[in-house]
N, C-alpha and C. Protein backbone atom coordinates (compact mmCIF):
# COMPACT_ATOMS: atom_id res chain seq x y z
N UNK A 1 34.99 92.11 -43.72
CA UNK A 1 34.83 92.63 -45.07
C UNK A 1 34.67 91.49 -46.07
N UNK A 2 35.46 90.38 -45.90
CA UNK A 2 35.36 89.25 -46.80
C UNK A 2 34.00 88.59 -46.74
N UNK A 3 33.45 88.46 -45.52
CA UNK A 3 32.13 87.84 -45.38
C UNK A 3 31.07 88.72 -46.05
N UNK A 4 31.17 90.02 -45.87
CA UNK A 4 30.22 90.92 -46.51
C UNK A 4 30.29 90.80 -48.02
N UNK A 5 31.54 90.71 -48.55
CA UNK A 5 31.69 90.58 -50.00
C UNK A 5 31.02 89.31 -50.51
N UNK A 6 31.17 88.21 -49.76
CA UNK A 6 30.53 86.96 -50.19
C UNK A 6 29.02 87.11 -50.20
N UNK A 7 28.49 87.76 -49.17
CA UNK A 7 27.04 87.94 -49.09
C UNK A 7 26.57 88.93 -50.15
N UNK A 8 27.33 89.97 -50.33
CA UNK A 8 26.92 91.05 -51.24
C UNK A 8 27.26 90.76 -52.69
N UNK A 9 27.66 89.56 -53.00
CA UNK A 9 27.98 89.22 -54.39
C UNK A 9 26.74 89.12 -55.24
N UNK A 10 25.74 89.75 -54.81
CA UNK A 10 24.49 89.87 -55.57
C UNK A 10 23.75 88.56 -55.71
N UNK A 11 23.85 87.73 -54.70
CA UNK A 11 23.11 86.47 -54.74
C UNK A 11 21.69 86.74 -54.31
N UNK A 12 20.79 86.70 -55.24
CA UNK A 12 19.39 87.01 -54.97
C UNK A 12 18.64 85.70 -54.86
N UNK A 13 18.28 85.34 -53.66
CA UNK A 13 17.63 84.05 -53.45
C UNK A 13 16.12 84.19 -53.58
N UNK A 14 15.55 83.15 -54.12
CA UNK A 14 14.13 83.20 -54.40
C UNK A 14 13.46 81.90 -53.97
N UNK A 15 12.36 82.02 -53.29
CA UNK A 15 11.54 80.84 -53.03
C UNK A 15 10.19 81.10 -53.63
N UNK A 16 9.71 80.16 -54.32
CA UNK A 16 8.38 80.29 -54.91
C UNK A 16 7.39 79.51 -54.09
N UNK A 17 6.26 80.13 -53.89
CA UNK A 17 5.17 79.45 -53.20
C UNK A 17 4.36 78.72 -54.25
N UNK A 18 4.03 77.50 -53.95
CA UNK A 18 3.18 76.76 -54.87
C UNK A 18 1.77 76.83 -54.33
N UNK A 19 0.91 77.29 -55.16
CA UNK A 19 -0.45 77.53 -54.72
C UNK A 19 -1.39 76.70 -55.57
N UNK A 20 -2.16 75.88 -54.93
CA UNK A 20 -3.14 75.09 -55.65
C UNK A 20 -4.48 75.79 -55.53
N UNK A 21 -5.02 76.17 -56.64
CA UNK A 21 -6.33 76.80 -56.65
C UNK A 21 -7.25 75.82 -57.34
N UNK A 22 -8.24 75.42 -56.65
CA UNK A 22 -9.14 74.42 -57.21
C UNK A 22 -10.53 75.01 -57.36
N UNK A 23 -11.05 74.89 -58.55
CA UNK A 23 -12.41 75.34 -58.79
C UNK A 23 -13.29 74.13 -59.08
N UNK A 24 -12.96 73.04 -58.43
CA UNK A 24 -13.74 71.83 -58.60
C UNK A 24 -15.03 71.94 -57.83
N UNK A 25 -15.89 70.99 -58.03
CA UNK A 25 -17.20 71.04 -57.39
C UNK A 25 -17.08 71.06 -55.86
N UNK A 26 -18.11 71.55 -55.22
CA UNK A 26 -18.14 71.69 -53.77
C UNK A 26 -18.09 70.31 -53.13
N UNK A 27 -17.38 70.20 -52.02
CA UNK A 27 -17.29 68.93 -51.30
C UNK A 27 -18.68 68.57 -50.79
N UNK A 28 -19.01 67.32 -50.98
CA UNK A 28 -20.34 66.85 -50.58
C UNK A 28 -20.24 66.16 -49.23
N UNK A 29 -21.30 66.24 -48.45
CA UNK A 29 -21.33 65.65 -47.12
C UNK A 29 -21.90 64.23 -47.12
N UNK A 30 -22.62 63.85 -48.17
CA UNK A 30 -23.21 62.51 -48.15
C UNK A 30 -22.16 61.45 -48.47
N UNK A 31 -22.50 60.21 -48.26
CA UNK A 31 -21.56 59.11 -48.45
C UNK A 31 -21.44 58.65 -49.89
N UNK A 32 -22.36 59.03 -50.74
CA UNK A 32 -22.35 58.57 -52.12
C UNK A 32 -22.51 59.75 -53.07
N UNK A 33 -21.38 60.49 -53.33
CA UNK A 33 -21.49 61.65 -54.22
C UNK A 33 -21.82 61.22 -55.64
N UNK A 34 -22.42 62.11 -56.40
CA UNK A 34 -22.73 61.79 -57.80
C UNK A 34 -21.47 61.40 -58.56
N UNK A 35 -21.63 60.62 -59.60
CA UNK A 35 -20.51 60.14 -60.39
C UNK A 35 -19.65 61.29 -60.91
N UNK A 36 -20.26 62.39 -61.34
CA UNK A 36 -19.49 63.49 -61.92
C UNK A 36 -18.57 64.19 -60.91
N UNK A 37 -18.76 63.92 -59.61
CA UNK A 37 -17.90 64.52 -58.59
C UNK A 37 -16.73 63.62 -58.21
N UNK A 38 -16.61 62.46 -58.81
CA UNK A 38 -15.55 61.52 -58.46
C UNK A 38 -14.40 61.61 -59.44
N UNK A 39 -13.29 62.06 -58.97
CA UNK A 39 -12.08 62.11 -59.78
C UNK A 39 -10.90 62.07 -58.83
N UNK A 40 -9.72 61.79 -59.38
CA UNK A 40 -8.53 61.67 -58.57
C UNK A 40 -7.33 62.17 -59.36
N UNK A 41 -6.48 62.94 -58.71
CA UNK A 41 -5.25 63.45 -59.33
C UNK A 41 -4.08 63.18 -58.39
N UNK A 42 -2.94 62.89 -58.95
CA UNK A 42 -1.70 62.81 -58.19
C UNK A 42 -0.83 63.98 -58.63
N UNK A 43 -0.44 64.82 -57.68
CA UNK A 43 0.38 65.99 -57.98
C UNK A 43 1.70 65.85 -57.22
N UNK A 44 2.81 65.96 -57.93
CA UNK A 44 4.14 65.92 -57.33
C UNK A 44 4.89 67.16 -57.79
N UNK A 45 5.67 67.75 -56.88
CA UNK A 45 6.44 68.94 -57.25
C UNK A 45 7.72 69.00 -56.43
N UNK A 46 8.73 69.65 -57.01
CA UNK A 46 10.01 69.83 -56.35
C UNK A 46 9.94 70.98 -55.36
N UNK A 47 11.08 71.38 -54.87
CA UNK A 47 11.15 72.45 -53.86
C UNK A 47 10.74 73.81 -54.42
N UNK A 48 10.85 74.00 -55.72
CA UNK A 48 10.56 75.28 -56.38
C UNK A 48 11.32 76.43 -55.72
N UNK A 49 12.56 76.16 -55.31
CA UNK A 49 13.44 77.17 -54.71
C UNK A 49 14.56 77.46 -55.71
N UNK A 50 14.60 78.68 -56.21
CA UNK A 50 15.58 79.08 -57.21
C UNK A 50 16.24 80.38 -56.76
N UNK A 51 17.34 80.75 -57.38
CA UNK A 51 17.96 82.03 -57.03
C UNK A 51 18.57 82.67 -58.27
N UNK A 52 18.65 83.98 -58.22
CA UNK A 52 19.27 84.75 -59.28
C UNK A 52 20.64 85.21 -58.80
N UNK A 53 21.67 84.90 -59.56
CA UNK A 53 23.04 85.28 -59.23
C UNK A 53 23.42 86.46 -60.12
N UNK A 54 23.54 87.65 -59.53
CA UNK A 54 23.91 88.83 -60.30
C UNK A 54 25.37 88.79 -60.74
N UNK A 55 26.19 87.99 -60.05
CA UNK A 55 27.59 87.84 -60.40
C UNK A 55 28.49 88.88 -59.78
N UNK A 56 29.78 88.68 -59.98
CA UNK A 56 30.82 89.61 -59.52
C UNK A 56 31.75 89.91 -60.71
N UNK A 57 32.35 91.07 -60.67
CA UNK A 57 33.25 91.47 -61.75
C UNK A 57 34.56 90.70 -61.66
N UNK A 58 34.97 90.10 -62.77
CA UNK A 58 36.25 89.39 -62.86
C UNK A 58 37.17 90.23 -63.74
N UNK A 59 38.19 90.90 -63.13
CA UNK A 59 39.06 91.77 -63.93
C UNK A 59 39.91 91.01 -64.95
N UNK A 60 40.16 89.72 -64.71
CA UNK A 60 40.94 88.93 -65.67
C UNK A 60 40.13 88.63 -66.93
N UNK A 61 38.82 88.40 -66.76
CA UNK A 61 37.95 88.12 -67.90
C UNK A 61 37.29 89.37 -68.44
N UNK A 62 37.37 90.46 -67.67
CA UNK A 62 36.70 91.71 -68.01
C UNK A 62 35.21 91.48 -68.25
N UNK A 63 34.62 90.72 -67.31
CA UNK A 63 33.22 90.35 -67.43
C UNK A 63 32.70 89.95 -66.05
N UNK A 64 31.39 89.96 -65.90
CA UNK A 64 30.78 89.45 -64.68
C UNK A 64 30.72 87.93 -64.76
N UNK A 65 31.02 87.26 -63.66
CA UNK A 65 30.90 85.81 -63.57
C UNK A 65 30.04 85.48 -62.36
N UNK A 66 29.48 84.27 -62.33
CA UNK A 66 28.62 83.87 -61.23
C UNK A 66 29.38 83.84 -59.92
N UNK A 67 28.68 84.11 -58.83
CA UNK A 67 29.29 84.11 -57.50
C UNK A 67 29.55 82.71 -57.00
N UNK A 68 28.81 81.72 -57.49
CA UNK A 68 28.99 80.34 -57.03
C UNK A 68 29.35 79.46 -58.21
N UNK A 69 29.64 78.20 -57.90
CA UNK A 69 29.98 77.25 -58.97
C UNK A 69 28.82 76.31 -59.28
N UNK A 70 27.61 76.74 -59.00
CA UNK A 70 26.40 75.97 -59.27
C UNK A 70 26.26 75.74 -60.77
N UNK A 71 26.00 74.51 -61.18
CA UNK A 71 25.89 74.19 -62.60
C UNK A 71 24.44 74.00 -63.05
N UNK A 72 23.49 74.19 -62.15
CA UNK A 72 22.08 73.96 -62.50
C UNK A 72 21.42 75.24 -63.01
N UNK A 73 22.00 75.78 -64.08
CA UNK A 73 21.51 77.03 -64.66
C UNK A 73 20.18 76.81 -65.38
N UNK A 74 19.35 77.83 -65.37
CA UNK A 74 18.07 77.80 -66.10
C UNK A 74 18.35 77.86 -67.59
N UNK A 75 17.36 77.43 -68.37
CA UNK A 75 17.46 77.56 -69.82
C UNK A 75 17.66 79.05 -70.14
N UNK A 76 18.63 79.35 -70.96
CA UNK A 76 18.92 80.73 -71.30
C UNK A 76 20.01 81.36 -70.45
N UNK A 77 20.41 80.69 -69.36
CA UNK A 77 21.52 81.16 -68.52
C UNK A 77 22.73 80.30 -68.82
N UNK A 78 23.86 80.92 -69.12
CA UNK A 78 25.09 80.18 -69.34
C UNK A 78 25.72 79.88 -67.99
N UNK A 79 25.94 78.59 -67.69
CA UNK A 79 26.54 78.19 -66.41
C UNK A 79 27.85 78.95 -66.19
N UNK A 80 28.01 79.47 -64.98
CA UNK A 80 29.21 80.23 -64.65
C UNK A 80 29.07 81.72 -64.84
N UNK A 81 27.94 82.16 -65.39
CA UNK A 81 27.69 83.57 -65.61
C UNK A 81 26.42 84.00 -64.88
N UNK A 82 26.19 85.29 -64.71
CA UNK A 82 24.99 85.74 -64.01
C UNK A 82 23.71 85.18 -64.64
N UNK A 83 22.73 84.91 -63.77
CA UNK A 83 21.44 84.40 -64.24
C UNK A 83 20.77 83.55 -63.18
N UNK A 84 19.77 82.79 -63.60
CA UNK A 84 18.97 81.95 -62.71
C UNK A 84 19.62 80.59 -62.50
N UNK A 85 19.59 80.10 -61.24
CA UNK A 85 20.16 78.80 -60.89
C UNK A 85 19.21 78.04 -59.97
N UNK A 86 19.40 76.72 -59.89
CA UNK A 86 18.58 75.85 -59.06
C UNK A 86 17.64 74.98 -59.88
N UNK A 87 17.89 74.87 -61.19
CA UNK A 87 17.01 74.15 -62.11
C UNK A 87 17.64 72.82 -62.49
N UNK A 88 17.53 71.85 -61.57
CA UNK A 88 18.20 70.56 -61.74
C UNK A 88 17.31 69.46 -62.29
N UNK A 89 16.09 69.79 -62.69
CA UNK A 89 15.18 68.79 -63.21
C UNK A 89 14.33 68.14 -62.14
N UNK A 90 14.65 68.37 -60.88
CA UNK A 90 13.85 67.86 -59.76
C UNK A 90 13.22 69.02 -59.01
N UNK A 91 14.03 69.99 -58.61
CA UNK A 91 13.52 71.15 -57.86
C UNK A 91 12.52 71.95 -58.67
N UNK A 92 12.65 71.93 -59.99
CA UNK A 92 11.78 72.74 -60.85
C UNK A 92 10.70 71.93 -61.56
N UNK A 93 10.44 70.70 -61.11
CA UNK A 93 9.45 69.84 -61.78
C UNK A 93 8.10 69.86 -61.08
N UNK A 94 7.04 69.90 -61.88
CA UNK A 94 5.66 69.75 -61.40
C UNK A 94 5.00 68.70 -62.29
N UNK A 95 4.53 67.60 -61.67
CA UNK A 95 3.87 66.53 -62.42
C UNK A 95 2.46 66.36 -61.91
N UNK A 96 1.52 66.20 -62.83
CA UNK A 96 0.13 65.94 -62.48
C UNK A 96 -0.32 64.73 -63.29
N UNK A 97 -0.91 63.75 -62.60
CA UNK A 97 -1.44 62.57 -63.28
C UNK A 97 -2.92 62.42 -62.95
N UNK A 98 -3.72 62.14 -63.96
CA UNK A 98 -5.14 61.90 -63.78
C UNK A 98 -5.30 60.43 -63.39
N UNK A 99 -5.53 60.17 -62.12
CA UNK A 99 -5.67 58.81 -61.60
C UNK A 99 -7.13 58.47 -61.31
N UNK A 100 -8.04 59.12 -61.98
CA UNK A 100 -9.47 58.88 -61.79
C UNK A 100 -9.82 57.45 -62.22
N UNK A 101 -10.79 56.86 -61.56
CA UNK A 101 -11.26 55.54 -61.93
C UNK A 101 -12.19 55.61 -63.13
N UNK A 102 -12.93 56.68 -63.23
CA UNK A 102 -13.86 56.86 -64.34
C UNK A 102 -13.15 57.60 -65.46
N UNK A 103 -13.60 57.36 -66.69
CA UNK A 103 -13.01 58.06 -67.83
C UNK A 103 -13.50 59.49 -67.88
N UNK A 104 -12.61 60.41 -67.53
CA UNK A 104 -12.92 61.84 -67.61
C UNK A 104 -11.63 62.60 -67.87
N UNK A 105 -11.78 63.76 -68.48
CA UNK A 105 -10.65 64.61 -68.79
C UNK A 105 -10.65 65.79 -67.82
N UNK A 106 -9.47 66.08 -67.27
CA UNK A 106 -9.30 67.19 -66.32
C UNK A 106 -8.51 68.29 -67.01
N UNK A 107 -8.95 69.53 -66.86
CA UNK A 107 -8.29 70.69 -67.42
C UNK A 107 -7.41 71.33 -66.35
N UNK A 108 -6.17 71.67 -66.71
CA UNK A 108 -5.23 72.28 -65.77
C UNK A 108 -4.68 73.57 -66.37
N UNK A 109 -4.31 74.50 -65.51
CA UNK A 109 -3.54 75.66 -65.96
C UNK A 109 -2.42 75.92 -64.96
N UNK A 110 -1.31 76.41 -65.47
CA UNK A 110 -0.12 76.68 -64.67
C UNK A 110 0.33 78.09 -65.04
N UNK A 111 0.48 78.95 -64.03
CA UNK A 111 0.85 80.33 -64.32
C UNK A 111 1.80 80.87 -63.25
N UNK A 112 2.43 81.99 -63.58
CA UNK A 112 3.34 82.68 -62.67
C UNK A 112 2.77 84.06 -62.39
N UNK A 113 2.82 84.47 -61.13
CA UNK A 113 2.38 85.80 -60.73
C UNK A 113 3.42 86.40 -59.79
N UNK A 114 3.82 87.64 -60.06
CA UNK A 114 4.83 88.32 -59.23
C UNK A 114 4.25 88.71 -57.88
N UNK A 115 5.11 88.76 -56.87
CA UNK A 115 4.75 89.21 -55.52
C UNK A 115 5.61 90.40 -55.14
N UNK A 116 5.16 91.15 -54.17
CA UNK A 116 5.97 92.22 -53.55
C UNK A 116 6.55 93.23 -54.54
N UNK A 117 5.83 93.53 -55.61
CA UNK A 117 6.26 94.54 -56.59
C UNK A 117 7.60 94.22 -57.26
N UNK A 118 8.00 92.95 -57.26
CA UNK A 118 9.20 92.54 -57.99
C UNK A 118 8.81 92.33 -59.44
N UNK A 119 9.54 92.96 -60.35
CA UNK A 119 9.23 92.87 -61.78
C UNK A 119 10.40 92.25 -62.53
N UNK A 120 10.20 92.00 -63.82
CA UNK A 120 11.28 91.54 -64.68
C UNK A 120 11.48 90.05 -64.76
N UNK A 121 10.64 89.25 -64.11
CA UNK A 121 10.80 87.80 -64.09
C UNK A 121 9.68 87.14 -64.88
N UNK A 122 10.04 86.18 -65.71
CA UNK A 122 9.07 85.42 -66.49
C UNK A 122 9.29 83.93 -66.30
N UNK A 123 8.21 83.16 -66.37
CA UNK A 123 8.27 81.71 -66.26
C UNK A 123 7.99 81.11 -67.63
N UNK A 124 8.77 80.10 -67.98
CA UNK A 124 8.49 79.29 -69.15
C UNK A 124 8.54 77.83 -68.72
N UNK A 125 7.96 76.96 -69.53
CA UNK A 125 7.97 75.52 -69.27
C UNK A 125 8.76 74.87 -70.39
N UNK A 126 9.79 74.10 -70.03
CA UNK A 126 10.55 73.35 -71.03
C UNK A 126 10.31 71.87 -70.79
N UNK A 127 10.54 71.08 -71.79
CA UNK A 127 10.30 69.63 -71.72
C UNK A 127 8.95 69.37 -71.07
N UNK A 128 7.98 70.18 -71.44
CA UNK A 128 6.69 70.15 -70.76
C UNK A 128 5.76 69.08 -71.29
N UNK A 129 6.12 67.84 -71.18
CA UNK A 129 5.26 66.76 -71.65
C UNK A 129 3.81 66.98 -71.29
N UNK A 130 2.99 67.39 -72.24
CA UNK A 130 1.57 67.59 -72.02
C UNK A 130 1.15 69.03 -71.81
N UNK A 131 2.09 69.95 -71.58
CA UNK A 131 1.77 71.36 -71.34
C UNK A 131 1.98 72.17 -72.61
N UNK A 132 1.13 73.15 -72.84
CA UNK A 132 1.32 74.07 -73.96
C UNK A 132 0.98 75.47 -73.49
N UNK A 133 1.51 76.46 -74.18
CA UNK A 133 1.24 77.85 -73.82
C UNK A 133 2.43 78.72 -74.11
N UNK A 134 2.44 79.89 -73.48
CA UNK A 134 3.54 80.83 -73.66
C UNK A 134 3.89 81.44 -72.31
N UNK A 135 4.87 82.33 -72.31
CA UNK A 135 5.42 82.90 -71.08
C UNK A 135 4.36 83.18 -70.01
N UNK A 136 4.55 82.61 -68.86
CA UNK A 136 3.75 82.79 -67.65
C UNK A 136 2.40 82.09 -67.63
N UNK A 137 1.93 81.50 -68.75
CA UNK A 137 0.62 80.84 -68.78
C UNK A 137 0.66 79.57 -69.62
N UNK A 138 0.34 78.44 -69.00
CA UNK A 138 0.36 77.14 -69.68
C UNK A 138 -0.89 76.36 -69.32
N UNK A 139 -1.30 75.45 -70.22
CA UNK A 139 -2.47 74.63 -69.96
C UNK A 139 -2.17 73.18 -70.34
N UNK A 140 -2.97 72.27 -69.78
CA UNK A 140 -2.89 70.85 -70.12
C UNK A 140 -4.26 70.24 -69.91
N UNK A 141 -4.59 69.23 -70.69
CA UNK A 141 -5.81 68.45 -70.52
C UNK A 141 -5.40 67.00 -70.37
N UNK A 142 -5.85 66.36 -69.30
CA UNK A 142 -5.44 64.99 -69.01
C UNK A 142 -6.63 64.04 -69.03
N UNK A 143 -6.55 63.04 -69.88
CA UNK A 143 -7.53 61.97 -69.86
C UNK A 143 -7.12 60.99 -68.76
N UNK A 144 -7.98 60.05 -68.47
CA UNK A 144 -7.70 59.06 -67.43
C UNK A 144 -6.36 58.38 -67.71
N UNK A 145 -5.49 58.35 -66.70
CA UNK A 145 -4.19 57.70 -66.80
C UNK A 145 -3.09 58.56 -67.39
N UNK A 146 -3.39 59.70 -67.97
CA UNK A 146 -2.37 60.56 -68.56
C UNK A 146 -1.66 61.39 -67.50
N UNK A 147 -0.42 61.77 -67.81
CA UNK A 147 0.39 62.59 -66.91
C UNK A 147 1.01 63.74 -67.70
N UNK A 148 1.12 64.90 -67.08
CA UNK A 148 1.79 66.06 -67.68
C UNK A 148 2.85 66.53 -66.70
N UNK A 149 4.09 66.65 -67.18
CA UNK A 149 5.19 67.11 -66.35
C UNK A 149 5.71 68.43 -66.90
N UNK A 150 5.79 69.43 -66.05
CA UNK A 150 6.30 70.74 -66.43
C UNK A 150 7.64 70.97 -65.74
N UNK A 151 8.66 71.31 -66.51
CA UNK A 151 9.94 71.74 -65.95
C UNK A 151 9.95 73.27 -66.01
N UNK A 152 9.79 73.90 -64.86
CA UNK A 152 9.73 75.35 -64.75
C UNK A 152 11.11 75.95 -65.02
N UNK A 153 11.13 77.03 -65.78
CA UNK A 153 12.34 77.80 -66.03
C UNK A 153 12.01 79.27 -65.79
N UNK A 154 12.95 80.02 -65.25
CA UNK A 154 12.75 81.46 -65.06
C UNK A 154 13.74 82.22 -65.93
N UNK A 155 13.33 83.39 -66.36
CA UNK A 155 14.21 84.25 -67.15
C UNK A 155 13.98 85.69 -66.73
N UNK A 156 14.85 86.56 -67.17
CA UNK A 156 14.75 87.97 -66.80
C UNK A 156 15.54 88.27 -65.55
N UNK A 157 15.69 89.55 -65.26
CA UNK A 157 16.41 90.01 -64.08
C UNK A 157 15.42 90.57 -63.08
N UNK A 158 15.40 90.06 -61.84
CA UNK A 158 14.45 90.59 -60.85
C UNK A 158 14.78 92.05 -60.51
N UNK A 159 13.75 92.88 -60.58
CA UNK A 159 13.91 94.31 -60.30
C UNK A 159 12.89 94.73 -59.24
N UNK A 160 13.27 95.72 -58.44
CA UNK A 160 12.36 96.28 -57.44
C UNK A 160 12.57 97.78 -57.44
N UNK A 161 11.53 98.52 -57.76
CA UNK A 161 11.64 99.98 -57.81
C UNK A 161 12.63 100.47 -58.85
N UNK A 162 12.76 99.74 -59.97
CA UNK A 162 13.65 100.15 -61.04
C UNK A 162 15.11 99.78 -60.81
N UNK A 163 15.43 99.10 -59.72
CA UNK A 163 16.81 98.70 -59.41
C UNK A 163 16.88 97.19 -59.27
N UNK A 164 18.10 96.65 -59.37
CA UNK A 164 18.30 95.21 -59.17
C UNK A 164 17.76 94.80 -57.80
N UNK A 165 17.00 93.71 -57.78
CA UNK A 165 16.48 93.19 -56.52
C UNK A 165 17.56 92.30 -55.91
N UNK A 166 18.00 92.67 -54.71
CA UNK A 166 19.02 91.89 -54.00
C UNK A 166 18.48 91.59 -52.60
N UNK A 167 18.45 90.32 -52.25
CA UNK A 167 17.90 89.96 -50.94
C UNK A 167 18.99 89.59 -49.94
N UNK A 168 20.22 89.91 -50.24
CA UNK A 168 21.37 89.59 -49.39
C UNK A 168 21.43 88.09 -49.15
N UNK A 169 21.40 87.64 -47.89
CA UNK A 169 21.57 86.21 -47.63
C UNK A 169 20.27 85.54 -47.17
N UNK A 170 19.13 86.14 -47.43
CA UNK A 170 17.87 85.53 -47.02
C UNK A 170 17.10 85.08 -48.25
N UNK A 171 16.27 84.08 -48.05
CA UNK A 171 15.43 83.57 -49.13
C UNK A 171 14.09 84.30 -49.04
N UNK A 172 13.80 85.14 -50.00
CA UNK A 172 12.55 85.89 -50.02
C UNK A 172 11.72 85.49 -51.22
N UNK A 173 10.43 85.25 -51.02
CA UNK A 173 9.59 84.95 -52.18
C UNK A 173 9.39 86.18 -53.05
N UNK A 174 9.51 85.99 -54.37
CA UNK A 174 9.27 87.11 -55.28
C UNK A 174 8.12 86.80 -56.23
N UNK A 175 7.65 85.55 -56.24
CA UNK A 175 6.59 85.18 -57.14
C UNK A 175 5.88 83.93 -56.68
N UNK A 176 4.80 83.63 -57.37
CA UNK A 176 3.99 82.48 -57.00
C UNK A 176 3.66 81.69 -58.27
N UNK A 177 3.83 80.38 -58.20
CA UNK A 177 3.43 79.50 -59.29
C UNK A 177 2.08 78.93 -58.90
N UNK A 178 1.10 79.11 -59.77
CA UNK A 178 -0.28 78.72 -59.46
C UNK A 178 -0.69 77.57 -60.37
N UNK A 179 -1.05 76.45 -59.76
CA UNK A 179 -1.59 75.31 -60.48
C UNK A 179 -3.08 75.29 -60.23
N UNK A 180 -3.86 75.48 -61.28
CA UNK A 180 -5.31 75.53 -61.15
C UNK A 180 -5.88 74.25 -61.75
N UNK A 181 -6.70 73.56 -60.96
CA UNK A 181 -7.35 72.34 -61.40
C UNK A 181 -8.81 72.69 -61.63
N UNK A 182 -9.24 72.56 -62.87
CA UNK A 182 -10.59 72.95 -63.21
C UNK A 182 -11.50 71.73 -63.27
N UNK A 183 -12.78 71.97 -63.31
CA UNK A 183 -13.75 70.88 -63.29
C UNK A 183 -13.54 69.93 -64.46
N UNK A 184 -13.93 68.69 -64.26
CA UNK A 184 -13.75 67.70 -65.32
C UNK A 184 -14.47 68.15 -66.60
N UNK A 185 -13.84 67.85 -67.73
CA UNK A 185 -14.40 68.23 -69.02
C UNK A 185 -15.47 67.24 -69.51
N UNK A 186 -15.20 65.97 -69.31
CA UNK A 186 -16.12 64.95 -69.84
C UNK A 186 -16.48 63.95 -68.75
N UNK A 187 -17.43 64.28 -67.89
CA UNK A 187 -17.80 63.31 -66.86
C UNK A 187 -18.47 62.11 -67.50
N UNK A 188 -18.31 60.95 -66.90
CA UNK A 188 -18.94 59.76 -67.45
C UNK A 188 -20.45 59.86 -67.34
N UNK A 189 -21.13 59.14 -68.19
CA UNK A 189 -22.58 59.13 -68.13
C UNK A 189 -23.06 58.10 -67.13
N UNK A 190 -24.07 58.45 -66.36
CA UNK A 190 -24.63 57.52 -65.39
C UNK A 190 -25.45 56.47 -66.15
N UNK A 191 -25.36 55.28 -65.75
CA UNK A 191 -26.12 54.31 -66.50
C UNK A 191 -26.36 53.12 -65.74
């Protein structure tokens, strides 16, 4: 019974899939591609594994408290209370640097999309050096040598079929973070 209570303390584990969607030019087979097809990006990202803690009732406090003592609460979640956890500044970081040799600007977009009919979850970016936008959709433009770092934050309560989404003790994906790299904005001129 004690083990079941620990598992059933409403710990909703979440793993996000990171999906790179690239709409860049088609890969060329020749040895000397045109100048406008030459660019380079360095992309680094954390585990992107987060969980929602529904909490347990504490009769002494007359309130729900978190099931674990994790202190890496998401922005908007008070540590020790129900909400999103796993946001330590590393697991939730996505960095993109334009390492192209030629001077060109690369356009990026970062978005969140729900999976498996799970609703109620939103993504925001905090301390997003170089990123701008609003809930679930962000963009950045990087010139040669520039870097944009997004610290992903989640908010809302995961729901499935109108009820709290609880995955017991397994890590189930409920959403996907999509980083889209679009074609260069300003390719260098051939000369």
